[in-house]
Amino acid sequence: MSSSPASPVLSEKQNQQVERILKARNDDHGGVMVEMTNEPMDAGVFVYLLRASLSHWRQQGKKGVWIKMPIELVNLVEPAVKEGFYYHHAEPKYVMLVQWLPSIANTLPASASHQVGIGAFVVNDKNEVLVVQEKNGKFGKTDVWKFPTGVVHEGEDICDAAVREVKEETGIDSNFLEILAFRQSHKSFFDKSDLFFACMMQPLSFDIKPQESEIEVAQWMPYEEYAAQPFVQKHELLRYVADVCSRKKDGVYSGFSAVPTITSFSKKKCYLYLNTQDLVLDI
């Protein structure tokens, strides 16, 4: 094992810039979070501060040390890694570095492991379902008719994502009604796991305006014609979804409605998806 880098030799000017330790706040799990500003910092000064800080936090019995490093300070990433930090996750404007200090087993949470997607089952009063053919991707140029689909944005609720995706791909305004079913799969986009929610939607408009960049064509199609497609019939998962949608359409299946609520921990608004048909709610 290679030895640790030697302590940096600081100039008089650098010594004047050095504070005792890095500014940090305690997290809720016995660790600390360092949020670096985007002001330039000399790598030698940073290493000096980091080593002093790590020594201080070890004496305090801290566990995880998180450093949120803005993209402007990319010069400090390598020195941090050499001091024992590793990548936890990255976003467009920062990388999150972390180090576990105790000698006991590391219990830090892993980075986000799933992406979330939706498929929108939009059916009108004529028993027609809203379907699209995509220009690109797996189904591009295949003549396969499919429900509007898409990925939920960061900070976006599933019910809102379904409304947005229907509008973007087809120009149709809609209301979210229920989650009919969901599927979990693994090793998908960027090797992440995937949660996909089939959503029942109520159309509020009917004139279709396909998204030019992604959708080849969109239309209202008799539901039986959609379900009879060879691609749907040969695909076990799609057969299940088609059957669920058919039963919901016929009024013999209940999905999960979005009930607004407040989380007990963060006190933020969120949605609980549940079967309200079989439950009397005092809300």
C-alpha atoms as a PDB file:
ATOM      1  CA  MET A   1       0.000   0.000   0.000  1.00  0.00           C
ATOM      2  CA  SER A   2       1.369   3.410  -0.960  1.00  0.00           C
ATOM      3  CA  SER A   3       2.018   5.915   1.797  1.00  0.00           C
ATOM      4  CA  SER A   4      -0.089   9.045   2.257  1.00  0.00           C
ATOM      5  CA  PRO A   5       1.072  12.214   0.479  1.00  0.00           C
ATOM      6  CA  ALA A   6       3.389  14.389   2.509  1.00  0.00           C
ATOM      7  CA  SER A   7       1.890  17.352   4.310  1.00  0.00           C
ATOM      8  CA  PRO A   8       1.776  20.368   1.980  1.00  0.00           C
ATOM      9  CA  VAL A   9       4.220  23.207   2.499  1.00  0.00           C
ATOM     10  CA  LEU A  10       2.217  26.435   2.523  1.00  0.00           C
ATOM     11  CA  SER A  11       3.423  29.867   1.567  1.00  0.00           C
ATOM     12  CA  GLU A  12       3.002  32.799   3.936  1.00  0.00           C
ATOM     13  CA  LYS A  13       0.043  34.037   1.879  1.00  0.00           C
ATOM     14  CA  GLN A  14      -1.577  30.603   1.959  1.00  0.00           C
ATOM     15  CA  ASN A  15      -1.102  30.347   5.716  1.00  0.00           C
ATOM     16  CA  GLN A  16      -3.019  33.599   6.077  1.00  0.00           C
ATOM     17  CA  GLN A  17      -5.919  32.078   4.112  1.00  0.00           C
ATOM     18  CA  VAL A  18      -6.116  28.868   6.123  1.00  0.00           C
ATOM     19  CA  GLU A  19      -8.849  28.461   8.714  1.00  0.00           C
ATOM     20  CA  ARG A  20      -8.651  25.780  11.364  1.00  0.00           C
ATOM     21  CA  ILE A  21     -10.987  23.247   9.728  1.00  0.00           C
ATOM     22  CA  LEU A  22     -13.475  23.102   6.878  1.00  0.00           C
ATOM     23  CA  LYS A  23     -16.902  24.540   7.600  1.00  0.00           C
ATOM     24  CA  ALA A  24     -19.392  21.730   8.081  1.00  0.00           C
ATOM     25  CA  ARG A  25     -22.807  21.018   9.532  1.00  0.00           C
ATOM     26  CA  ASN A  26     -23.902  17.922  11.376  1.00  0.00           C
ATOM     27  CA  ASP A  27     -26.215  15.567   9.520  1.00  0.00           C
ATOM     28  CA  ASP A  28     -28.947  13.469  11.121  1.00  0.00           C
ATOM     29  CA  HIS A  29     -26.913  10.258  11.221  1.00  0.00           C
ATOM     30  CA  GLY A  30     -23.797  11.098  13.191  1.00  0.00           C
ATOM     31  CA  GLY A  31     -21.817  12.507  10.296  1.00  0.00           C
ATOM     32  CA  VAL A  32     -20.995  15.896   8.792  1.00  0.00           C
ATOM     33  CA  MET A  33     -21.714  17.636   5.504  1.00  0.00           C
ATOM     34  CA  VAL A  34     -19.244  20.030   3.892  1.00  0.00           C
ATOM     35  CA  GLU A  35     -20.713  22.221   1.161  1.00  0.00           C
ATOM     36  CA  MET A  36     -17.854  23.882  -0.672  1.00  0.00           C
ATOM     37  CA  THR A  37     -18.540  27.257  -2.261  1.00  0.00           C
ATOM     38  CA  ASN A  38     -17.531  27.843  -5.865  1.00  0.00           C
ATOM     39  CA  GLU A  39     -14.762  30.256  -4.867  1.00  0.00           C
ATOM     40  CA  PRO A  40     -11.350  29.068  -6.105  1.00  0.00           C
ATOM     41  CA  MET A  41      -9.140  27.307  -3.530  1.00  0.00           C
ATOM     42  CA  ASP A  42      -5.539  26.217  -3.751  1.00  0.00           C
ATOM     43  CA  ALA A  43      -5.197  22.419  -3.633  1.00  0.00           C
ATOM     44  CA  GLY A  44      -2.464  22.653  -0.995  1.00  0.00           C
ATOM     45  CA  VAL A  45      -4.647  24.768   1.257  1.00  0.00           C
ATOM     46  CA  PHE A  46      -7.521  22.339   0.770  1.00  0.00           C
ATOM     47  CA  VAL A  47      -5.434  19.298   1.719  1.00  0.00           C
ATOM     48  CA  TYR A  48      -4.168  21.080   4.824  1.00  0.00           C
ATOM     49  CA  LEU A  49      -7.727  21.935   5.877  1.00  0.00           C
ATOM     50  CA  LEU A  50      -9.059  18.507   5.003  1.00  0.00           C
ATOM     51  CA  ARG A  51      -6.477  16.618   7.068  1.00  0.00           C
ATOM     52  CA  ALA A  52      -7.037  18.867  10.079  1.00  0.00           C
ATOM     53  CA  SER A  53     -10.799  18.472   9.671  1.00  0.00           C
ATOM     54  CA  LEU A  54     -10.661  14.683   9.417  1.00  0.00           C
ATOM     55  CA  SER A  55      -8.559  14.512  12.564  1.00  0.00           C
ATOM     56  CA  HIS A  56     -11.063  16.741  14.372  1.00  0.00           C
ATOM     57  CA  TRP A  57     -14.084  14.743  13.214  1.00  0.00           C
ATOM     58  CA  ARG A  58     -12.472  11.453  14.210  1.00  0.00           C
ATOM     59  CA  GLN A  59     -11.912  12.809  17.707  1.00  0.00           C
ATOM     60  CA  GLN A  60     -15.593  13.786  17.800  1.00  0.00           C
ATOM     61  CA  GLY A  61     -16.624  10.251  16.803  1.00  0.00           C
ATOM     62  CA  LYS A  62     -18.183  11.331  13.534  1.00  0.00           C
ATOM     63  CA  LYS A  63     -19.140   8.638  11.036  1.00  0.00           C
ATOM     64  CA  GLY A  64     -19.719   9.690   7.440  1.00  0.00           C
ATOM     65  CA  VAL A  65     -18.060  12.783   5.996  1.00  0.00           C
ATOM     66  CA  TRP A  66     -19.769  14.201   2.907  1.00  0.00           C
ATOM     67  CA  ILE A  67     -18.205  16.819   0.645  1.00  0.00           C
ATOM     68  CA  LYS A  68     -20.409  18.493  -1.942  1.00  0.00           C
ATOM     69  CA  MET A  69     -17.886  19.710  -4.506  1.00  0.00           C
ATOM     70  CA  PRO A  70     -19.127  22.211  -7.119  1.00  0.00           C
ATOM     71  CA  ILE A  71     -17.937  21.755 -10.671  1.00  0.00           C
ATOM     72  CA  GLU A  72     -15.842  24.935 -10.395  1.00  0.00           C
ATOM     73  CA  LEU A  73     -13.581  23.155  -7.864  1.00  0.00           C
ATOM     74  CA  VAL A  74     -12.753  20.138  -9.998  1.00  0.00           C
ATOM     75  CA  ASN A  75      -9.083  20.675  -9.072  1.00  0.00           C
ATOM     76  CA  LEU A  76      -9.893  19.550  -5.516  1.00  0.00           C
ATOM     77  CA  VAL A  77     -11.497  16.218  -6.417  1.00  0.00           C
ATOM     78  CA  GLU A  78      -8.235  14.326  -6.930  1.00  0.00           C
ATOM     79  CA  PRO A  79      -6.683  15.541  -3.628  1.00  0.00           C
ATOM     80  CA  ALA A  80      -9.861  14.501  -1.786  1.00  0.00           C
ATOM     81  CA  VAL A  81      -9.765  11.042  -3.360  1.00  0.00           C
ATOM     82  CA  LYS A  82      -6.125  10.658  -2.332  1.00  0.00           C
ATOM     83  CA  GLU A  83      -7.203  11.430   1.251  1.00  0.00           C
ATOM     84  CA  GLY A  84      -9.630   8.505   1.233  1.00  0.00           C
ATOM     85  CA  PHE A  85     -12.835   9.931  -0.262  1.00  0.00           C
ATOM     86  CA  TYR A  86     -14.792   8.192  -2.998  1.00  0.00           C
ATOM     87  CA  TYR A  87     -17.558   9.178  -5.398  1.00  0.00           C
ATOM     88  CA  HIS A  88     -21.091   8.789  -4.118  1.00  0.00           C
ATOM     89  CA  HIS A  89     -23.013  10.446  -6.930  1.00  0.00           C
ATOM     90  CA  ALA A  90     -22.726  13.242  -9.466  1.00  0.00           C
ATOM     91  CA  GLU A  91     -25.121  15.894 -10.731  1.00  0.00           C
ATOM     92  CA  PRO A  92     -24.653  18.463 -13.523  1.00  0.00           C
ATOM     93  CA  LYS A  93     -23.214  21.093 -11.167  1.00  0.00           C
ATOM     94  CA  TYR A  94     -21.490  19.069  -8.444  1.00  0.00           C
ATOM     95  CA  VAL A  95     -20.006  15.761  -7.378  1.00  0.00           C
ATOM     96  CA  MET A  96     -20.691  14.283  -3.949  1.00  0.00           C
ATOM     97  CA  LEU A  97     -17.677  12.710  -2.238  1.00  0.00           C
ATOM     98  CA  VAL A  98     -17.871  10.669   0.947  1.00  0.00           C
ATOM     99  CA  GLN A  99     -15.631   8.909   3.455  1.00  0.00           C
ATOM    100  CA  TRP A 100     -16.537   6.537   6.303  1.00  0.00           C
ATOM    101  CA  LEU A 101     -14.417   7.203   9.401  1.00  0.00           C
ATOM    102  CA  PRO A 102     -15.141   4.499  12.033  1.00  0.00           C
ATOM    103  CA  SER A 103     -13.555   1.053  11.978  1.00  0.00           C
ATOM    104  CA  ILE A 104     -16.999  -0.573  12.121  1.00  0.00           C
ATOM    105  CA  ALA A 105     -18.919  -1.630   8.998  1.00  0.00           C
ATOM    106  CA  ASN A 106     -19.831   1.152   6.607  1.00  0.00           C
ATOM    107  CA  THR A 107     -23.562   1.922   6.849  1.00  0.00           C
ATOM    108  CA  LEU A 108     -23.711   4.911   4.513  1.00  0.00           C
ATOM    109  CA  PRO A 109     -26.661   4.777   2.094  1.00  0.00           C
ATOM    110  CA  ALA A 110     -25.895   3.954  -1.510  1.00  0.00           C
ATOM    111  CA  SER A 111     -26.597   6.401  -4.294  1.00  0.00           C
ATOM    112  CA  ALA A 112     -30.034   6.390  -5.920  1.00  0.00           C
ATOM    113  CA  SER A 113     -30.547   2.999  -7.526  1.00  0.00           C
ATOM    114  CA  HIS A 114     -33.754   3.492  -9.519  1.00  0.00           C
ATOM    115  CA  GLN A 115     -35.213   5.670 -12.210  1.00  0.00           C
ATOM    116  CA  VAL A 116     -39.006   6.065 -12.395  1.00  0.00           C
ATOM    117  CA  GLY A 117     -41.067   5.943 -15.553  1.00  0.00           C
ATOM    118  CA  ILE A 118     -44.760   6.118 -16.474  1.00  0.00           C
ATOM    119  CA  GLY A 119     -47.012   4.721 -19.171  1.00  0.00           C
ATOM    120  CA  ALA A 120     -50.318   6.544 -19.727  1.00  0.00           C
ATOM    121  CA  PHE A 121     -53.521   4.619 -20.462  1.00  0.00           C
ATOM    122  CA  VAL A 122     -55.807   7.355 -21.836  1.00  0.00           C
ATOM    123  CA  VAL A 123     -59.215   6.116 -22.950  1.00  0.00           C
ATOM    124  CA  ASN A 124     -62.136   8.181 -24.278  1.00  0.00           C
ATOM    125  CA  ASP A 125     -65.909   7.627 -24.211  1.00  0.00           C
ATOM    126  CA  LYS A 126     -65.739   5.774 -27.549  1.00  0.00           C
ATOM    127  CA  ASN A 127     -63.578   3.025 -26.010  1.00  0.00           C
ATOM    128  CA  GLU A 128     -60.595   4.383 -27.932  1.00  0.00           C
ATOM    129  CA  VAL A 129     -57.137   4.503 -26.393  1.00  0.00           C
ATOM    130  CA  LEU A 130     -54.507   7.162 -27.087  1.00  0.00           C
ATOM    131  CA  VAL A 131     -51.494   5.559 -28.786  1.00  0.00           C
ATOM    132  CA  VAL A 132     -48.294   6.732 -30.441  1.00  0.00           C
ATOM    133  CA  GLN A 133     -45.560   5.489 -32.740  1.00  0.00           C
ATOM    134  CA  GLU A 134     -42.094   6.753 -31.793  1.00  0.00           C
ATOM    135  CA  LYS A 135     -39.484   8.136 -34.173  1.00  0.00           C
ATOM    136  CA  ASN A 136     -36.468   6.954 -32.191  1.00  0.00           C
ATOM    137  CA  GLY A 137     -35.360   4.442 -29.588  1.00  0.00           C
ATOM    138  CA  LYS A 138     -36.263   0.788 -29.254  1.00  0.00           C
ATOM    139  CA  PHE A 139     -39.663   1.204 -30.909  1.00  0.00           C
ATOM    140  CA  GLY A 140     -38.658   3.748 -33.542  1.00  0.00           C
ATOM    141  CA  LYS A 141     -39.732   2.848 -37.089  1.00  0.00           C
ATOM    142  CA  THR A 142     -41.289  -0.451 -35.901  1.00  0.00           C
ATOM    143  CA  ASP A 143     -44.992   0.294 -36.577  1.00  0.00           C
ATOM    144  CA  VAL A 144     -45.700  -0.641 -32.948  1.00  0.00           C
ATOM    145  CA  TRP A 145     -48.497   1.361 -31.337  1.00  0.00           C
ATOM    146  CA  LYS A 146     -47.840   2.040 -27.653  1.00  0.00           C
ATOM    147  CA  PHE A 147     -49.073   4.173 -24.800  1.00  0.00           C
ATOM    148  CA  PRO A 148     -47.383   7.550 -24.219  1.00  0.00           C
ATOM    149  CA  THR A 149     -44.443   6.941 -21.878  1.00  0.00           C
ATOM    150  CA  GLY A 150     -41.687   8.907 -20.209  1.00  0.00           C
ATOM    151  CA  VAL A 151     -39.376   9.385 -17.249  1.00  0.00           C
ATOM    152  CA  VAL A 152     -40.397  11.197 -14.068  1.00  0.00           C
ATOM    153  CA  HIS A 153     -38.324  14.325 -13.492  1.00  0.00           C
ATOM    154  CA  GLU A 154     -36.463  15.008 -10.255  1.00  0.00           C
ATOM    155  CA  GLY A 155     -38.882  16.440  -7.695  1.00  0.00           C
ATOM    156  CA  GLU A 156     -41.912  15.532  -9.841  1.00  0.00           C
ATOM    157  CA  ASP A 157     -44.805  13.383  -8.618  1.00  0.00           C
ATOM    158  CA  ILE A 158     -45.826  10.336 -10.624  1.00  0.00           C
ATOM    159  CA  CYS A 159     -49.329  11.713 -11.185  1.00  0.00           C
ATOM    160  CA  ASP A 160     -47.964  15.017 -12.507  1.00  0.00           C
ATOM    161  CA  ALA A 161     -45.417  13.262 -14.724  1.00  0.00           C
ATOM    162  CA  ALA A 162     -48.189  11.262 -16.402  1.00  0.00           C
ATOM    163  CA  VAL A 163     -50.147  14.442 -17.192  1.00  0.00           C
ATOM    164  CA  ARG A 164     -47.015  16.142 -18.536  1.00  0.00           C
ATOM    165  CA  GLU A 165     -45.917  13.241 -20.742  1.00  0.00           C
ATOM    166  CA  VAL A 166     -49.348  12.869 -22.334  1.00  0.00           C
ATOM    167  CA  LYS A 167     -49.394  16.587 -23.104  1.00  0.00           C
ATOM    168  CA  GLU A 168     -45.838  16.643 -24.476  1.00  0.00           C
ATOM    169  CA  GLU A 169     -46.184  13.593 -26.730  1.00  0.00           C
ATOM    170  CA  THR A 170     -49.733  14.082 -28.004  1.00  0.00           C
ATOM    171  CA  GLY A 171     -50.964  17.572 -27.116  1.00  0.00           C
ATOM    172  CA  ILE A 172     -53.842  16.011 -25.142  1.00  0.00           C
ATOM    173  CA  ASP A 173     -54.796  17.514 -21.777  1.00  0.00           C
ATOM    174  CA  SER A 174     -55.664  14.895 -19.177  1.00  0.00           C
ATOM    175  CA  ASN A 175     -56.354  14.184 -15.518  1.00  0.00           C
ATOM    176  CA  PHE A 176     -54.571  11.483 -13.553  1.00  0.00           C
ATOM    177  CA  LEU A 177     -57.005   8.914 -12.169  1.00  0.00           C
ATOM    178  CA  GLU A 178     -55.115   5.887 -10.852  1.00  0.00           C
ATOM    179  CA  ILE A 179     -51.975   3.806 -10.886  1.00  0.00           C
ATOM    180  CA  LEU A 180     -53.167   0.505 -12.329  1.00  0.00           C
ATOM    181  CA  ALA A 181     -49.981  -1.538 -11.885  1.00  0.00           C
ATOM    182  CA  PHE A 182     -46.218  -1.131 -11.650  1.00  0.00           C
ATOM    183  CA  ARG A 183     -43.178  -3.104 -12.695  1.00  0.00           C
ATOM    184  CA  GLN A 184     -39.650  -3.252 -11.270  1.00  0.00           C
ATOM    185  CA  SER A 185     -36.749  -4.291 -13.502  1.00  0.00           C
ATOM    186  CA  HIS A 186     -32.970  -4.175 -13.149  1.00  0.00           C
ATOM    187  CA  LYS A 187     -29.838  -3.353 -15.145  1.00  0.00           C
ATOM    188  CA  SER A 188     -31.684  -0.800 -17.242  1.00  0.00           C
ATOM    189  CA  PHE A 189     -30.600   2.741 -18.130  1.00  0.00           C
ATOM    190  CA  PHE A 190     -26.988   3.292 -16.914  1.00  0.00           C
ATOM    191  CA  ASP A 191     -27.256  -0.098 -15.150  1.00  0.00           C
ATOM    192  CA  LYS A 192     -29.843   1.339 -12.747  1.00  0.00           C
ATOM    193  CA  SER A 193     -33.019  -0.416 -11.698  1.00  0.00           C
ATOM    194  CA  ASP A 194     -36.301   0.844 -13.110  1.00  0.00           C
ATOM    195  CA  LEU A 195     -39.777   1.372 -11.661  1.00  0.00           C
ATOM    196  CA  PHE A 196     -42.486   1.753 -14.295  1.00  0.00           C
ATOM    197  CA  PHE A 197     -46.045   2.794 -13.377  1.00  0.00           C
ATOM    198  CA  ALA A 198     -49.030   2.179 -15.657  1.00  0.00           C
ATOM    199  CA  CYS A 199     -51.377   5.129 -15.087  1.00  0.00           C
ATOM    200  CA  MET A 200     -55.065   5.516 -15.926  1.00  0.00           C
ATOM    201  CA  MET A 201     -55.802   8.957 -17.371  1.00  0.00           C
ATOM    202  CA  GLN A 202     -58.980  10.864 -18.221  1.00  0.00           C
ATOM    203  CA  PRO A 203     -58.739  12.946 -21.425  1.00  0.00           C
ATOM    204  CA  LEU A 204     -59.842  16.576 -21.180  1.00  0.00           C
ATOM    205  CA  SER A 205     -59.199  17.385 -24.843  1.00  0.00           C
ATOM    206  CA  PHE A 206     -59.258  15.253 -27.975  1.00  0.00           C
ATOM    207  CA  ASP A 207     -57.442  17.037 -30.826  1.00  0.00           C
ATOM    208  CA  ILE A 208     -54.029  15.414 -31.185  1.00  0.00           C
ATOM    209  CA  LYS A 209     -50.846  17.408 -31.884  1.00  0.00           C
ATOM    210  CA  PRO A 210     -47.921  14.938 -31.939  1.00  0.00           C
ATOM    211  CA  GLN A 211     -44.553  16.008 -30.561  1.00  0.00           C
ATOM    212  CA  GLU A 212     -42.474  16.617 -33.684  1.00  0.00           C
ATOM    213  CA  SER A 213     -39.091  15.675 -32.213  1.00  0.00           C
ATOM    214  CA  GLU A 214     -40.030  12.253 -30.777  1.00  0.00           C
ATOM    215  CA  ILE A 215     -43.417  11.073 -32.083  1.00  0.00           C
ATOM    216  CA  GLU A 216     -43.941   9.820 -35.643  1.00  0.00           C
ATOM    217  CA  VAL A 217     -47.722   9.731 -35.350  1.00  0.00           C
ATOM    218  CA  ALA A 218     -50.409   9.630 -32.636  1.00  0.00           C
ATOM    219  CA  GLN A 219     -54.063   8.680 -32.802  1.00  0.00           C
ATOM    220  CA  TRP A 220     -57.149   7.403 -31.009  1.00  0.00           C
ATOM    221  CA  MET A 221     -57.398   3.649 -31.635  1.00  0.00           C
ATOM    222  CA  PRO A 222     -60.124   1.155 -30.667  1.00  0.00           C
ATOM    223  CA  TYR A 223     -58.871  -0.577 -27.543  1.00  0.00           C
ATOM    224  CA  GLU A 224     -59.391  -4.057 -28.986  1.00  0.00           C
ATOM    225  CA  GLU A 225     -57.201  -3.130 -31.966  1.00  0.00           C
ATOM    226  CA  TYR A 226     -54.399  -1.975 -29.672  1.00  0.00           C
ATOM    227  CA  ALA A 227     -54.569  -5.116 -27.521  1.00  0.00           C
ATOM    228  CA  ALA A 228     -54.630  -7.396 -30.589  1.00  0.00           C
ATOM    229  CA  GLN A 229     -51.254  -6.199 -31.870  1.00  0.00           C
ATOM    230  CA  PRO A 230     -48.859  -9.164 -32.255  1.00  0.00           C
ATOM    231  CA  PHE A 231     -46.245  -7.273 -30.256  1.00  0.00           C
ATOM    232  CA  VAL A 232     -48.639  -6.931 -27.297  1.00  0.00           C
ATOM    233  CA  GLN A 233     -49.833 -10.535 -27.513  1.00  0.00           C
ATOM    234  CA  LYS A 234     -46.289 -11.947 -27.654  1.00  0.00           C
ATOM    235  CA  HIS A 235     -45.025  -9.836 -24.745  1.00  0.00           C
ATOM    236  CA  GLU A 236     -46.121 -11.329 -21.404  1.00  0.00           C
ATOM    237  CA  LEU A 237     -45.783  -8.077 -19.468  1.00  0.00           C
ATOM    238  CA  LEU A 238     -47.791  -6.099 -22.031  1.00  0.00           C
ATOM    239  CA  ARG A 239     -50.496  -8.776 -22.050  1.00  0.00           C
ATOM    240  CA  TYR A 240     -50.852  -8.383 -18.291  1.00  0.00           C
ATOM    241  CA  VAL A 241     -51.029  -4.589 -18.579  1.00  0.00           C
ATOM    242  CA  ALA A 242     -53.547  -4.824 -21.418  1.00  0.00           C
ATOM    243  CA  ASP A 243     -55.715  -7.160 -19.331  1.00  0.00           C
ATOM    244  CA  VAL A 244     -55.551  -4.835 -16.315  1.00  0.00           C
ATOM    245  CA  CYS A 245     -56.515  -1.858 -18.492  1.00  0.00           C
ATOM    246  CA  SER A 246     -59.382  -3.810 -20.019  1.00  0.00           C
ATOM    247  CA  ARG A 247     -60.711  -4.820 -16.609  1.00  0.00           C
ATOM    248  CA  LYS A 248     -60.403  -1.267 -15.350  1.00  0.00           C
ATOM    249  CA  LYS A 249     -62.260  -0.025 -18.414  1.00  0.00           C
ATOM    250  CA  ASP A 250     -65.033  -2.533 -17.676  1.00  0.00           C
ATOM    251  CA  GLY A 251     -65.251  -1.453 -14.037  1.00  0.00           C
ATOM    252  CA  VAL A 252     -64.031  -4.688 -12.455  1.00  0.00           C
ATOM    253  CA  TYR A 253     -60.574  -3.571 -11.331  1.00  0.00           C
ATOM    254  CA  SER A 254     -59.499  -0.932  -8.816  1.00  0.00           C
ATOM    255  CA  GLY A 255     -56.163   0.842  -8.957  1.00  0.00           C
ATOM    256  CA  PHE A 256     -54.428   3.305  -6.667  1.00  0.00           C
ATOM    257  CA  SER A 257     -55.534   6.931  -6.497  1.00  0.00           C
ATOM    258  CA  ALA A 258     -53.265   9.798  -5.431  1.00  0.00           C
ATOM    259  CA  VAL A 259     -54.185  11.076  -1.968  1.00  0.00           C
ATOM    260  CA  PRO A 260     -52.328  14.260  -0.921  1.00  0.00           C
ATOM    261  CA  THR A 261     -50.736  14.060   2.499  1.00  0.00           C
ATOM    262  CA  ILE A 262     -47.870  15.451   4.567  1.00  0.00           C
ATOM    263  CA  THR A 263     -44.789  13.452   5.525  1.00  0.00           C
ATOM    264  CA  SER A 264     -44.249  13.076   9.262  1.00  0.00           C
ATOM    265  CA  PHE A 265     -40.494  13.705   8.999  1.00  0.00           C
ATOM    266  CA  SER A 266     -39.956  16.567   6.562  1.00  0.00           C
ATOM    267  CA  LYS A 267     -43.490  18.024   6.781  1.00  0.00           C
ATOM    268  CA  LYS A 268     -43.553  18.266   2.991  1.00  0.00           C
ATOM    269  CA  LYS A 269     -46.506  17.563   0.743  1.00  0.00           C
ATOM    270  CA  CYS A 270     -46.511  14.185  -0.952  1.00  0.00           C
ATOM    271  CA  TYR A 271     -48.950  11.672  -2.400  1.00  0.00           C
ATOM    272  CA  LEU A 272     -49.986   8.331  -0.957  1.00  0.00           C
ATOM    273  CA  TYR A 273     -51.247   6.045  -3.719  1.00  0.00           C
ATOM    274  CA  LEU A 274     -53.955   3.712  -2.461  1.00  0.00           C
ATOM    275  CA  ASN A 275     -57.215   1.978  -3.331  1.00  0.00           C
ATOM    276  CA  THR A 276     -59.771   4.569  -2.268  1.00  0.00           C
ATOM    277  CA  GLN A 277     -62.691   2.546  -3.636  1.00  0.00           C
ATOM    278  CA  ASP A 278     -62.432  -0.019  -0.843  1.00  0.00           C
ATOM    279  CA  LEU A 279     -61.436   2.464   1.849  1.00  0.00           C
ATOM    280  CA  VAL A 280     -63.465   5.210   3.513  1.00  0.00           C
ATOM    281  CA  LEU A 281     -61.091   8.126   4.081  1.00  0.00           C
ATOM    282  CA  ASP A 282     -61.682  10.892   6.618  1.00  0.00           C
ATOM    283  CA  ILE A 283     -59.992  13.669   4.643  1.00  0.00           C
END
